[in-house]
Amino acid sequence: MSAEGYQYRALYDYKKEREEDINLHVGDILVVSKGALLALGYSDGFEERPEEIGWLSGFNETTQEKGDFPGTYVEFIGKKRISPPTPKPRPPRPLPLAPGPAKADSDSEQGE
């Protein structure tokens, strides 16, 4: 099974500033899944302008690291089939309220 992804080449060195970041070295090849960009709300065409996306989350094929890197430090070089598919980042969502005391129907309370 494979998914669509995009390849980028690092134009500059980047030293990670946070735990979730990855280091970049000039020439590193990075792969970002299409699903990751769609989850951030970007549509087709944006993958070619990483500097407009901001932070990308992907996989550095050169160092085998996964994490975030700045779009301003990379250039788009093409599409790539990736396998296995990268899990899609989920946007934050509100938690449901914890259930209170059970308010069961009289039907479910009685055993049949």
PDB file of N, CA and C in Angstrom:
ATOM      1  N   MET A   1       0.846  -1.179   0.000  1.00  0.00           N
ATOM      2  CA  MET A   1       0.000   0.000   0.000  1.00  0.00           C
ATOM      3  C   MET A   1       0.895   1.247   0.000  1.00  0.00           C
ATOM      4  N   SER A   2       0.557   2.232  -0.822  1.00  0.00           N
ATOM      5  CA  SER A   2       1.370   3.437  -0.849  1.00  0.00           C
ATOM      6  C   SER A   2       0.479   4.665  -0.846  1.00  0.00           C
ATOM      7  N   ALA A   3       1.060   5.769  -0.461  1.00  0.00           N
ATOM      8  CA  ALA A   3       0.332   7.034  -0.413  1.00  0.00           C
ATOM      9  C   ALA A   3       1.122   8.051  -1.213  1.00  0.00           C
ATOM     10  N   GLU A   4       0.462   9.151  -1.546  1.00  0.00           N
ATOM     11  CA  GLU A   4       1.171  10.180  -2.289  1.00  0.00           C
ATOM     12  C   GLU A   4       1.905  11.099  -1.329  1.00  0.00           C
ATOM     13  N   GLY A   5       3.104  11.454  -1.714  1.00  0.00           N
ATOM     14  CA  GLY A   5       3.880  12.370  -0.895  1.00  0.00           C
ATOM     15  C   GLY A   5       4.631  13.344  -1.781  1.00  0.00           C
ATOM     16  N   TYR A   6       5.313  14.271  -1.140  1.00  0.00           N
ATOM     17  CA  TYR A   6       6.071  15.280  -1.864  1.00  0.00           C
ATOM     18  C   TYR A   6       7.498  15.283  -1.349  1.00  0.00           C
ATOM     19  N   GLN A   7       8.444  15.489  -2.273  1.00  0.00           N
ATOM     20  CA  GLN A   7       9.853  15.520  -1.896  1.00  0.00           C
ATOM     21  C   GLN A   7      10.360  16.953  -1.904  1.00  0.00           C
ATOM     22  N   TYR A   8      11.202  17.242  -0.931  1.00  0.00           N
ATOM     23  CA  TYR A   8      11.823  18.558  -0.796  1.00  0.00           C
ATOM     24  C   TYR A   8      13.320  18.361  -0.584  1.00  0.00           C
ATOM     25  N   ARG A   9      14.089  19.367  -0.989  1.00  0.00           N
ATOM     26  CA  ARG A   9      15.531  19.346  -0.760  1.00  0.00           C
ATOM     27  C   ARG A   9      15.871  20.509   0.164  1.00  0.00           C
ATOM     28  N   ALA A  10      16.684  20.229   1.183  1.00  0.00           N
ATOM     29  CA  ALA A  10      17.104  21.284   2.106  1.00  0.00           C
ATOM     30  C   ALA A  10      18.069  22.228   1.401  1.00  0.00           C
ATOM     31  N   LEU A  11      17.779  23.519   1.503  1.00  0.00           N
ATOM     32  CA  LEU A  11      18.630  24.550   0.904  1.00  0.00           C
ATOM     33  C   LEU A  11      19.635  25.098   1.911  1.00  0.00           C
ATOM     34  N   TYR A  12      19.304  24.954   3.203  1.00  0.00           N
ATOM     35  CA  TYR A  12      20.142  25.499   4.269  1.00  0.00           C
ATOM     36  C   TYR A  12      20.202  24.511   5.424  1.00  0.00           C
ATOM     37  N   ASP A  13      21.205  24.687   6.254  1.00  0.00           N
ATOM     38  CA  ASP A  13      21.262  23.913   7.496  1.00  0.00           C
ATOM     39  C   ASP A  13      20.254  24.503   8.471  1.00  0.00           C
ATOM     40  N   TYR A  14      19.601  23.638   9.232  1.00  0.00           N
ATOM     41  CA  TYR A  14      18.683  24.080  10.284  1.00  0.00           C
ATOM     42  C   TYR A  14      18.959  23.244  11.518  1.00  0.00           C
ATOM     43  N   LYS A  15      19.205  23.927  12.636  1.00  0.00           N
ATOM     44  CA  LYS A  15      19.434  23.226  13.901  1.00  0.00           C
ATOM     45  C   LYS A  15      18.121  23.222  14.670  1.00  0.00           C
ATOM     46  N   LYS A  16      17.661  22.046  15.033  1.00  0.00           N
ATOM     47  CA  LYS A  16      16.350  21.969  15.675  1.00  0.00           C
ATOM     48  C   LYS A  16      16.296  22.780  16.959  1.00  0.00           C
ATOM     49  N   GLU A  17      15.142  23.449  17.147  1.00  0.00           N
ATOM     50  CA  GLU A  17      14.944  24.301  18.316  1.00  0.00           C
ATOM     51  C   GLU A  17      14.016  23.651  19.339  1.00  0.00           C
ATOM     52  N   ARG A  18      13.209  22.714  18.889  1.00  0.00           N
ATOM     53  CA  ARG A  18      12.269  22.040  19.778  1.00  0.00           C
ATOM     54  C   ARG A  18      12.404  20.532  19.600  1.00  0.00           C
ATOM     55  N   GLU A  19      11.863  19.798  20.558  1.00  0.00           N
ATOM     56  CA  GLU A  19      11.954  18.336  20.532  1.00  0.00           C
ATOM     57  C   GLU A  19      11.323  17.754  19.273  1.00  0.00           C
ATOM     58  N   GLU A  20      10.217  18.375  18.795  1.00  0.00           N
ATOM     59  CA  GLU A  20       9.514  17.817  17.640  1.00  0.00           C
ATOM     60  C   GLU A  20      10.144  18.199  16.296  1.00  0.00           C
ATOM     61  N   ASP A  21      11.158  19.083  16.318  1.00  0.00           N
ATOM     62  CA  ASP A  21      11.831  19.482  15.079  1.00  0.00           C
ATOM     63  C   ASP A  21      12.870  18.433  14.674  1.00  0.00           C
ATOM     64  N   ILE A  22      13.330  18.540  13.430  1.00  0.00           N
ATOM     65  CA  ILE A  22      14.455  17.718  12.972  1.00  0.00           C
ATOM     66  C   ILE A  22      15.520  18.646  12.393  1.00  0.00           C
ATOM     67  N   ASN A  23      16.772  18.205  12.480  1.00  0.00           N
ATOM     68  CA  ASN A  23      17.878  18.965  11.902  1.00  0.00           C
ATOM     69  C   ASN A  23      17.865  18.803  10.387  1.00  0.00           C
ATOM     70  N   LEU A  24      18.269  19.856   9.694  1.00  0.00           N
ATOM     71  CA  LEU A  24      18.422  19.798   8.246  1.00  0.00           C
ATOM     72  C   LEU A  24      19.865  20.120   7.901  1.00  0.00           C
ATOM     73  N   HIS A  25      20.358  19.470   6.866  1.00  0.00           N
ATOM     74  CA  HIS A  25      21.679  19.768   6.322  1.00  0.00           C
ATOM     75  C   HIS A  25      21.472  20.021   4.836  1.00  0.00           C
ATOM     76  N   VAL A  26      22.223  20.950   4.273  1.00  0.00           N
ATOM     77  CA  VAL A  26      22.081  21.277   2.866  1.00  0.00           C
ATOM     78  C   VAL A  26      22.105  19.992   2.030  1.00  0.00           C
ATOM     79  N   GLY A  27      21.102  19.831   1.180  1.00  0.00           N
ATOM     80  CA  GLY A  27      21.046  18.659   0.312  1.00  0.00           C
ATOM     81  C   GLY A  27      20.208  17.507   0.843  1.00  0.00           C
ATOM     82  N   ASP A  28      19.804  17.562   2.122  1.00  0.00           N
ATOM     83  CA  ASP A  28      18.952  16.491   2.661  1.00  0.00           C
ATOM     84  C   ASP A  28      17.678  16.391   1.841  1.00  0.00           C
ATOM     85  N   ILE A  29      17.181  15.169   1.672  1.00  0.00           N
ATOM     86  CA  ILE A  29      15.920  14.940   0.967  1.00  0.00           C
ATOM     87  C   ILE A  29      14.852  14.643   2.012  1.00  0.00           C
ATOM     88  N   LEU A  30      13.766  15.411   1.952  1.00  0.00           N
ATOM     89  CA  LEU A  30      12.667  15.265   2.911  1.00  0.00           C
ATOM     90  C   LEU A  30      11.399  14.874   2.184  1.00  0.00           C
ATOM     91  N   VAL A  31      10.579  14.065   2.851  1.00  0.00           N
ATOM     92  CA  VAL A  31       9.315  13.633   2.272  1.00  0.00           C
ATOM     93  C   VAL A  31       8.178  14.035   3.211  1.00  0.00           C
ATOM     94  N   VAL A  32       7.152  14.640   2.627  1.00  0.00           N
ATOM     95  CA  VAL A  32       5.965  15.041   3.383  1.00  0.00           C
ATOM     96  C   VAL A  32       4.773  14.348   2.729  1.00  0.00           C
ATOM     97  N   SER A  33       3.915  13.718   3.524  1.00  0.00           N
ATOM     98  CA  SER A  33       2.753  13.052   2.943  1.00  0.00           C
ATOM     99  C   SER A  33       1.709  14.082   2.536  1.00  0.00           C
ATOM    100  N   LYS A  34       0.995  13.764   1.466  1.00  0.00           N
ATOM    101  CA  LYS A  34      -0.082  14.637   1.012  1.00  0.00           C
ATOM    102  C   LYS A  34      -1.119  14.782   2.129  1.00  0.00           C
ATOM    103  N   GLY A  35      -1.373  13.698   2.839  1.00  0.00           N
ATOM    104  CA  GLY A  35      -2.333  13.720   3.940  1.00  0.00           C
ATOM    105  C   GLY A  35      -1.950  14.718   5.015  1.00  0.00           C
ATOM    106  N   ALA A  36      -0.635  14.848   5.286  1.00  0.00           N
ATOM    107  CA  ALA A  36      -0.182  15.794   6.309  1.00  0.00           C
ATOM    108  C   ALA A  36      -0.511  17.222   5.894  1.00  0.00           C
ATOM    109  N   LEU A  37      -0.332  17.537   4.606  1.00  0.00           N
ATOM    110  CA  LEU A  37      -0.649  18.894   4.140  1.00  0.00           C
ATOM    111  C   LEU A  37      -2.152  19.126   4.134  1.00  0.00           C
ATOM    112  N   LEU A  38      -2.917  18.117   3.700  1.00  0.00           N
ATOM    113  CA  LEU A  38      -4.371  18.266   3.680  1.00  0.00           C
ATOM    114  C   LEU A  38      -4.902  18.461   5.093  1.00  0.00           C
ATOM    115  N   ALA A  39      -4.305  17.762   6.060  1.00  0.00           N
ATOM    116  CA  ALA A  39      -4.744  17.895   7.454  1.00  0.00           C
ATOM    117  C   ALA A  39      -4.484  19.301   7.988  1.00  0.00           C
ATOM    118  N   LEU A  40      -3.478  19.977   7.419  1.00  0.00           N
ATOM    119  CA  LEU A  40      -3.187  21.352   7.825  1.00  0.00           C
ATOM    120  C   LEU A  40      -4.088  22.355   7.097  1.00  0.00           C
ATOM    121  N   GLY A  41      -4.890  21.854   6.165  1.00  0.00           N
ATOM    122  CA  GLY A  41      -5.815  22.735   5.467  1.00  0.00           C
ATOM    123  C   GLY A  41      -5.307  23.255   4.133  1.00  0.00           C
ATOM    124  N   TYR A  42      -4.225  22.679   3.615  1.00  0.00           N
ATOM    125  CA  TYR A  42      -3.690  23.136   2.340  1.00  0.00           C
ATOM    126  C   TYR A  42      -4.213  22.270   1.208  1.00  0.00           C
ATOM    127  N   SER A  43      -4.450  22.887   0.067  1.00  0.00           N
ATOM    128  CA  SER A  43      -4.978  22.162  -1.076  1.00  0.00           C
ATOM    129  C   SER A  43      -3.877  21.918  -2.101  1.00  0.00           C
ATOM    130  N   ASP A  44      -4.206  21.185  -3.157  1.00  0.00           N
ATOM    131  CA  ASP A  44      -3.239  20.891  -4.207  1.00  0.00           C
ATOM    132  C   ASP A  44      -2.627  22.177  -4.745  1.00  0.00           C
ATOM    133  N   GLY A  45      -1.339  22.128  -5.018  1.00  0.00           N
ATOM    134  CA  GLY A  45      -0.641  23.291  -5.541  1.00  0.00           C
ATOM    135  C   GLY A  45       0.232  23.935  -4.484  1.00  0.00           C
ATOM    136  N   PHE A  46      -0.211  23.891  -3.217  1.00  0.00           N
ATOM    137  CA  PHE A  46       0.566  24.515  -2.146  1.00  0.00           C
ATOM    138  C   PHE A  46       1.876  23.785  -1.885  1.00  0.00           C
ATOM    139  N   GLU A  47       1.914  22.486  -2.214  1.00  0.00           N
ATOM    140  CA  GLU A  47       3.133  21.722  -1.933  1.00  0.00           C
ATOM    141  C   GLU A  47       4.346  22.305  -2.657  1.00  0.00           C
ATOM    142  N   GLU A  48       4.098  23.026  -3.768  1.00  0.00           N
ATOM    143  CA  GLU A  48       5.208  23.590  -4.533  1.00  0.00           C
ATOM    144  C   GLU A  48       5.702  24.913  -3.956  1.00  0.00           C
ATOM    145  N   ARG A  49       5.022  25.418  -2.932  1.00  0.00           N
ATOM    146  CA  ARG A  49       5.421  26.683  -2.304  1.00  0.00           C
ATOM    147  C   ARG A  49       5.561  26.483  -0.793  1.00  0.00           C
ATOM    148  N   PRO A  50       6.542  25.672  -0.360  1.00  0.00           N
ATOM    149  CA  PRO A  50       6.655  25.340   1.063  1.00  0.00           C
ATOM    150  C   PRO A  50       6.834  26.563   1.951  1.00  0.00           C
ATOM    151  N   GLU A  51       7.409  27.633   1.385  1.00  0.00           N
ATOM    152  CA  GLU A  51       7.621  28.836   2.208  1.00  0.00           C
ATOM    153  C   GLU A  51       6.304  29.470   2.624  1.00  0.00           C
ATOM    154  N   GLU A  52       5.222  29.202   1.875  1.00  0.00           N
ATOM    155  CA  GLU A  52       3.907  29.742   2.226  1.00  0.00           C
ATOM    156  C   GLU A  52       3.183  28.854   3.238  1.00  0.00           C
ATOM    157  N   ILE A  53       3.593  27.611   3.338  1.00  0.00           N
ATOM    158  CA  ILE A  53       2.941  26.683   4.271  1.00  0.00           C
ATOM    159  C   ILE A  53       3.430  26.942   5.692  1.00  0.00           C
ATOM    160  N   GLY A  54       4.701  27.285   5.815  1.00  0.00           N
ATOM    161  CA  GLY A  54       5.269  27.485   7.155  1.00  0.00           C
ATOM    162  C   GLY A  54       5.989  26.230   7.592  1.00  0.00           C
ATOM    163  N   TRP A  55       5.572  25.670   8.700  1.00  0.00           N
ATOM    164  CA  TRP A  55       6.205  24.457   9.217  1.00  0.00           C
ATOM    165  C   TRP A  55       5.619  23.234   8.530  1.00  0.00           C
ATOM    166  N   LEU A  56       6.501  22.345   8.107  1.00  0.00           N
ATOM    167  CA  LEU A  56       6.093  21.084   7.491  1.00  0.00           C
ATOM    168  C   LEU A  56       6.464  19.962   8.443  1.00  0.00           C
ATOM    169  N   SER A  57       5.689  18.905   8.396  1.00  0.00           N
ATOM    170  CA  SER A  57       5.995  17.733   9.206  1.00  0.00           C
ATOM    171  C   SER A  57       6.289  16.598   8.241  1.00  0.00           C
ATOM    172  N   GLY A  58       7.471  16.024   8.356  1.00  0.00           N
ATOM    173  CA  GLY A  58       7.822  14.984   7.400  1.00  0.00           C
ATOM    174  C   GLY A  58       8.948  14.101   7.873  1.00  0.00           C
ATOM    175  N   PHE A  59       9.579  13.446   6.907  1.00  0.00           N
ATOM    176  CA  PHE A  59      10.603  12.446   7.160  1.00  0.00           C
ATOM    177  C   PHE A  59      11.855  12.826   6.386  1.00  0.00           C
ATOM    178  N   ASN A  60      12.973  12.905   7.080  1.00  0.00           N
ATOM    179  CA  ASN A  60      14.252  13.211   6.438  1.00  0.00           C
ATOM    180  C   ASN A  60      14.860  11.880   6.002  1.00  0.00           C
ATOM    181  N   GLU A  61      14.854  11.633   4.685  1.00  0.00           N
ATOM    182  CA  GLU A  61      15.366  10.357   4.171  1.00  0.00           C
ATOM    183  C   GLU A  61      16.863  10.220   4.398  1.00  0.00           C
ATOM    184  N   THR A  62      17.566  11.341   4.493  1.00  0.00           N
ATOM    185  CA  THR A  62      19.010  11.308   4.672  1.00  0.00           C
ATOM    186  C   THR A  62      19.384  10.873   6.082  1.00  0.00           C
ATOM    187  N   THR A  63      18.683  11.418   7.092  1.00  0.00           N
ATOM    188  CA  THR A  63      19.029  11.114   8.487  1.00  0.00           C
ATOM    189  C   THR A  63      18.066  10.116   9.139  1.00  0.00           C
ATOM    190  N   GLN A  64      16.988   9.766   8.420  1.00  0.00           N
ATOM    191  CA  GLN A  64      15.974   8.841   8.938  1.00  0.00           C
ATOM    192  C   GLN A  64      15.232   9.397  10.145  1.00  0.00           C
ATOM    193  N   GLU A  65      15.127  10.727  10.244  1.00  0.00           N
ATOM    194  CA  GLU A  65      14.405  11.352  11.354  1.00  0.00           C
ATOM    195  C   GLU A  65      13.035  11.818  10.888  1.00  0.00           C
ATOM    196  N   LYS A  66      12.087  11.784  11.814  1.00  0.00           N
ATOM    197  CA  LYS A  66      10.742  12.321  11.551  1.00  0.00           C
ATOM    198  C   LYS A  66      10.542  13.537  12.418  1.00  0.00           C
ATOM    199  N   GLY A  67       9.895  14.567  11.858  1.00  0.00           N
ATOM    200  CA  GLY A  67       9.611  15.735  12.676  1.00  0.00           C
ATOM    201  C   GLY A  67       9.266  16.951  11.834  1.00  0.00           C
ATOM    202  N   ASP A  68       9.302  18.111  12.477  1.00  0.00           N
ATOM    203  CA  ASP A  68       8.928  19.361  11.825  1.00  0.00           C
ATOM    204  C   ASP A  68      10.167  20.095  11.323  1.00  0.00           C
ATOM    205  N   PHE A  69       9.972  20.824  10.220  1.00  0.00           N
ATOM    206  CA  PHE A  69      11.057  21.646   9.680  1.00  0.00           C
ATOM    207  C   PHE A  69      10.442  22.847   8.967  1.00  0.00           C
ATOM    208  N   PRO A  70      11.201  23.953   8.878  1.00  0.00           N
ATOM    209  CA  PRO A  70      10.649  25.172   8.274  1.00  0.00           C
ATOM    210  C   PRO A  70      10.601  25.098   6.751  1.00  0.00           C
ATOM    211  N   GLY A  71       9.444  25.445   6.192  1.00  0.00           N
ATOM    212  CA  GLY A  71       9.276  25.441   4.744  1.00  0.00           C
ATOM    213  C   GLY A  71      10.181  26.419   4.033  1.00  0.00           C
ATOM    214  N   THR A  72      10.631  27.444   4.750  1.00  0.00           N
ATOM    215  CA  THR A  72      11.519  28.443   4.151  1.00  0.00           C
ATOM    216  C   THR A  72      12.924  27.904   3.917  1.00  0.00           C
ATOM    217  N   TYR A  73      13.228  26.726   4.463  1.00  0.00           N
ATOM    218  CA  TYR A  73      14.569  26.153   4.328  1.00  0.00           C
ATOM    219  C   TYR A  73      14.651  25.078   3.241  1.00  0.00           C
ATOM    220  N   VAL A  74      13.535  24.807   2.562  1.00  0.00           N
ATOM    221  CA  VAL A  74      13.526  23.725   1.576  1.00  0.00           C
ATOM    222  C   VAL A  74      12.932  24.179   0.248  1.00  0.00           C
ATOM    223  N   GLU A  75      13.222  23.390  -0.805  1.00  0.00           N
ATOM    224  CA  GLU A  75      12.594  23.626  -2.105  1.00  0.00           C
ATOM    225  C   GLU A  75      11.874  22.358  -2.542  1.00  0.00           C
ATOM    226  N   PHE A  76      10.761  22.538  -3.243  1.00  0.00           N
ATOM    227  CA  PHE A  76       9.974  21.411  -3.753  1.00  0.00           C
ATOM    228  C   PHE A  76      10.721  20.790  -4.924  1.00  0.00           C
ATOM    229  N   ILE A  77      10.886  19.469  -4.923  1.00  0.00           N
ATOM    230  CA  ILE A  77      11.553  18.833  -6.061  1.00  0.00           C
ATOM    231  C   ILE A  77      10.689  17.813  -6.789  1.00  0.00           C
ATOM    232  N   GLY A  78       9.549  17.424  -6.219  1.00  0.00           N
ATOM    233  CA  GLY A  78       8.692  16.504  -6.962  1.00  0.00           C
ATOM    234  C   GLY A  78       7.796  15.665  -6.083  1.00  0.00           C
ATOM    235  N   LYS A  79       6.941  14.891  -6.773  1.00  0.00           N
ATOM    236  CA  LYS A  79       6.029  14.002  -6.051  1.00  0.00           C
ATOM    237  C   LYS A  79       6.696  12.649  -5.888  1.00  0.00           C
ATOM    238  N   LYS A  80       6.258  11.925  -4.892  1.00  0.00           N
ATOM    239  CA  LYS A  80       6.825  10.602  -4.645  1.00  0.00           C
ATOM    240  C   LYS A  80       5.771   9.709  -4.025  1.00  0.00           C
ATOM    241  N   ARG A  81       5.754   8.455  -4.437  1.00  0.00           N
ATOM    242  CA  ARG A  81       4.898   7.472  -3.766  1.00  0.00           C
ATOM    243  C   ARG A  81       5.607   7.080  -2.490  1.00  0.00           C
ATOM    244  N   ILE A  82       4.907   7.150  -1.391  1.00  0.00           N
ATOM    245  CA  ILE A  82       5.527   6.770  -0.122  1.00  0.00           C
ATOM    246  C   ILE A  82       4.815   5.558   0.457  1.00  0.00           C
ATOM    247  N   SER A  83       5.583   4.747   1.146  1.00  0.00           N
ATOM    248  CA  SER A  83       5.019   3.529   1.703  1.00  0.00           C
ATOM    249  C   SER A  83       5.809   3.183   2.960  1.00  0.00           C
ATOM    250  N   PRO A  84       5.179   2.846   4.048  1.00  0.00           N
ATOM    251  CA  PRO A  84       3.743   2.862   4.300  1.00  0.00           C
ATOM    252  C   PRO A  84       3.259   4.302   4.464  1.00  0.00           C
ATOM    253  N   PRO A  85       1.956   4.504   4.386  1.00  0.00           N
ATOM    254  CA  PRO A  85       1.457   5.870   4.515  1.00  0.00           C
ATOM    255  C   PRO A  85       1.796   6.474   5.871  1.00  0.00           C
ATOM    256  N   THR A  86       2.142   7.739   5.854  1.00  0.00           N
ATOM    257  CA  THR A  86       2.448   8.459   7.085  1.00  0.00           C
ATOM    258  C   THR A  86       1.141   8.749   7.803  1.00  0.00           C
ATOM    259  N   PRO A  87       1.075   8.524   9.110  1.00  0.00           N
ATOM    260  CA  PRO A  87      -0.165   8.853   9.814  1.00  0.00           C
ATOM    261  C   PRO A  87      -0.477  10.333   9.657  1.00  0.00           C
ATOM    262  N   LYS A  88      -1.735  10.631   9.443  1.00  0.00           N
ATOM    263  CA  LYS A  88      -2.129  12.023   9.263  1.00  0.00           C
ATOM    264  C   LYS A  88      -2.203  12.717  10.619  1.00  0.00           C
ATOM    265  N   PRO A  89      -1.589  13.903  10.715  1.00  0.00           N
ATOM    266  CA  PRO A  89      -1.740  14.620  11.975  1.00  0.00           C
ATOM    267  C   PRO A  89      -3.192  15.030  12.153  1.00  0.00           C
ATOM    268  N   ARG A  90      -3.666  14.933  13.370  1.00  0.00           N
ATOM    269  CA  ARG A  90      -5.069  15.289  13.627  1.00  0.00           C
ATOM    270  C   ARG A  90      -5.129  16.678  14.223  1.00  0.00           C
ATOM    271  N   PRO A  91      -6.048  17.487  13.747  1.00  0.00           N
ATOM    272  CA  PRO A  91      -6.189  18.801  14.371  1.00  0.00           C
ATOM    273  C   PRO A  91      -6.730  18.637  15.783  1.00  0.00           C
ATOM    274  N   PRO A  92      -6.432  19.601  16.668  1.00  0.00           N
ATOM    275  CA  PRO A  92      -6.958  19.495  18.027  1.00  0.00           C
ATOM    276  C   PRO A  92      -8.481  19.478  17.997  1.00  0.00           C
ATOM    277  N   ARG A  93      -9.064  18.712  18.877  1.00  0.00           N
ATOM    278  CA  ARG A  93     -10.528  18.678  18.938  1.00  0.00           C
ATOM    279  C   ARG A  93     -10.955  18.658  20.386  1.00  0.00           C
ATOM    280  N   PRO A  94     -12.118  19.225  20.642  1.00  0.00           N
ATOM    281  CA  PRO A  94     -12.564  19.259  22.039  1.00  0.00           C
ATOM    282  C   PRO A  94     -12.848  17.858  22.563  1.00  0.00           C
ATOM    283  N   LEU A  95     -12.580  17.669  23.821  1.00  0.00           N
ATOM    284  CA  LEU A  95     -12.876  16.383  24.448  1.00  0.00           C
ATOM    285  C   LEU A  95     -14.353  16.328  24.813  1.00  0.00           C
ATOM    286  N   PRO A  96     -14.963  15.158  24.687  1.00  0.00           N
ATOM    287  CA  PRO A  96     -16.361  15.051  25.131  1.00  0.00           C
ATOM    288  C   PRO A  96     -16.411  15.143  26.649  1.00  0.00           C
ATOM    289  N   LEU A  97     -17.528  15.594  27.167  1.00  0.00           N
ATOM    290  CA  LEU A  97     -17.696  15.649  28.618  1.00  0.00           C
ATOM    291  C   LEU A  97     -17.742  14.237  29.167  1.00  0.00           C
ATOM    292  N   ALA A  98     -17.188  14.070  30.329  1.00  0.00           N
ATOM    293  CA  ALA A  98     -17.230  12.745  30.953  1.00  0.00           C
ATOM    294  C   ALA A  98     -18.674  12.421  31.292  1.00  0.00           C
ATOM    295  N   PRO A  99     -19.073  11.170  31.089  1.00  0.00           N
ATOM    296  CA  PRO A  99     -20.457  10.818  31.410  1.00  0.00           C
ATOM    297  C   PRO A  99     -20.725  10.996  32.900  1.00  0.00           C
ATOM    298  N   GLY A 100     -21.890  11.527  33.199  1.00  0.00           N
ATOM    299  CA  GLY A 100     -22.289  11.709  34.591  1.00  0.00           C
ATOM    300  C   GLY A 100     -22.909  10.422  35.105  1.00  0.00           C
ATOM    301  N   PRO A 101     -23.625  10.496  36.207  1.00  0.00           N
ATOM    302  CA  PRO A 101     -24.305   9.299  36.720  1.00  0.00           C
ATOM    303  C   PRO A 101     -25.239   8.742  35.649  1.00  0.00           C
ATOM    304  N   ALA A 102     -25.283   7.447  35.557  1.00  0.00           N
ATOM    305  CA  ALA A 102     -26.102   6.796  34.511  1.00  0.00           C
ATOM    306  C   ALA A 102     -27.573   7.148  34.682  1.00  0.00           C
ATOM    307  N   LYS A 103     -28.139   7.629  33.579  1.00  0.00           N
ATOM    308  CA  LYS A 103     -29.578   7.883  33.574  1.00  0.00           C
ATOM    309  C   LYS A 103     -30.181   6.841  32.634  1.00  0.00           C
ATOM    310  N   ALA A 104     -30.341   5.660  33.108  1.00  0.00           N
ATOM    311  CA  ALA A 104     -30.793   4.566  32.250  1.00  0.00           C
ATOM    312  C   ALA A 104     -32.319   4.608  32.089  1.00  0.00           C
ATOM    313  N   ASP A 105     -32.755   4.170  30.911  1.00  0.00           N
ATOM    314  CA  ASP A 105     -34.207   4.057  30.682  1.00  0.00           C
ATOM    315  C   ASP A 105     -34.720   2.951  31.586  1.00  0.00           C
ATOM    316  N   SER A 106     -35.976   3.004  31.888  1.00  0.00           N
ATOM    317  CA  SER A 106     -36.544   1.950  32.709  1.00  0.00           C
ATOM    318  C   SER A 106     -36.493   0.617  31.955  1.00  0.00           C
ATOM    319  N   ASP A 107     -36.494   0.663  30.607  1.00  0.00           N
ATOM    320  CA  ASP A 107     -36.447  -0.587  29.814  1.00  0.00           C
ATOM    321  C   ASP A 107     -35.130  -1.314  30.037  1.00  0.00           C
ATOM    322  N   SER A 108     -33.993  -0.581  29.990  1.00  0.00           N
ATOM    323  CA  SER A 108     -32.704  -1.241  30.086  1.00  0.00           C
ATOM    324  C   SER A 108     -32.391  -1.667  31.506  1.00  0.00           C
ATOM    325  N   GLU A 109     -33.040  -1.092  32.508  1.00  0.00           N
ATOM    326  CA  GLU A 109     -32.791  -1.450  33.893  1.00  0.00           C
ATOM    327  C   GLU A 109     -33.343  -2.831  34.224  1.00  0.00           C
ATOM    328  N   GLN A 110     -34.472  -3.166  33.595  1.00  0.00           N
ATOM    329  CA  GLN A 110     -35.129  -4.432  33.951  1.00  0.00           C
ATOM    330  C   GLN A 110     -34.563  -5.573  33.115  1.00  0.00           C
ATOM    331  N   GLY A 111     -34.171  -6.656  33.803  1.00  0.00           N
ATOM    332  CA  GLY A 111     -33.678  -7.815  33.087  1.00  0.00           C
ATOM    333  C   GLY A 111     -34.871  -8.544  32.459  1.00  0.00           C
ATOM    334  N   GLU A 112     -34.637  -9.119  31.274  1.00  0.00           N
ATOM    335  CA  GLU A 112     -35.758  -9.814  30.628  1.00  0.00           C
ATOM    336  C   GLU A 112     -35.656 -11.290  30.819  1.00  0.00           C
TER     337      GLU A 112
END
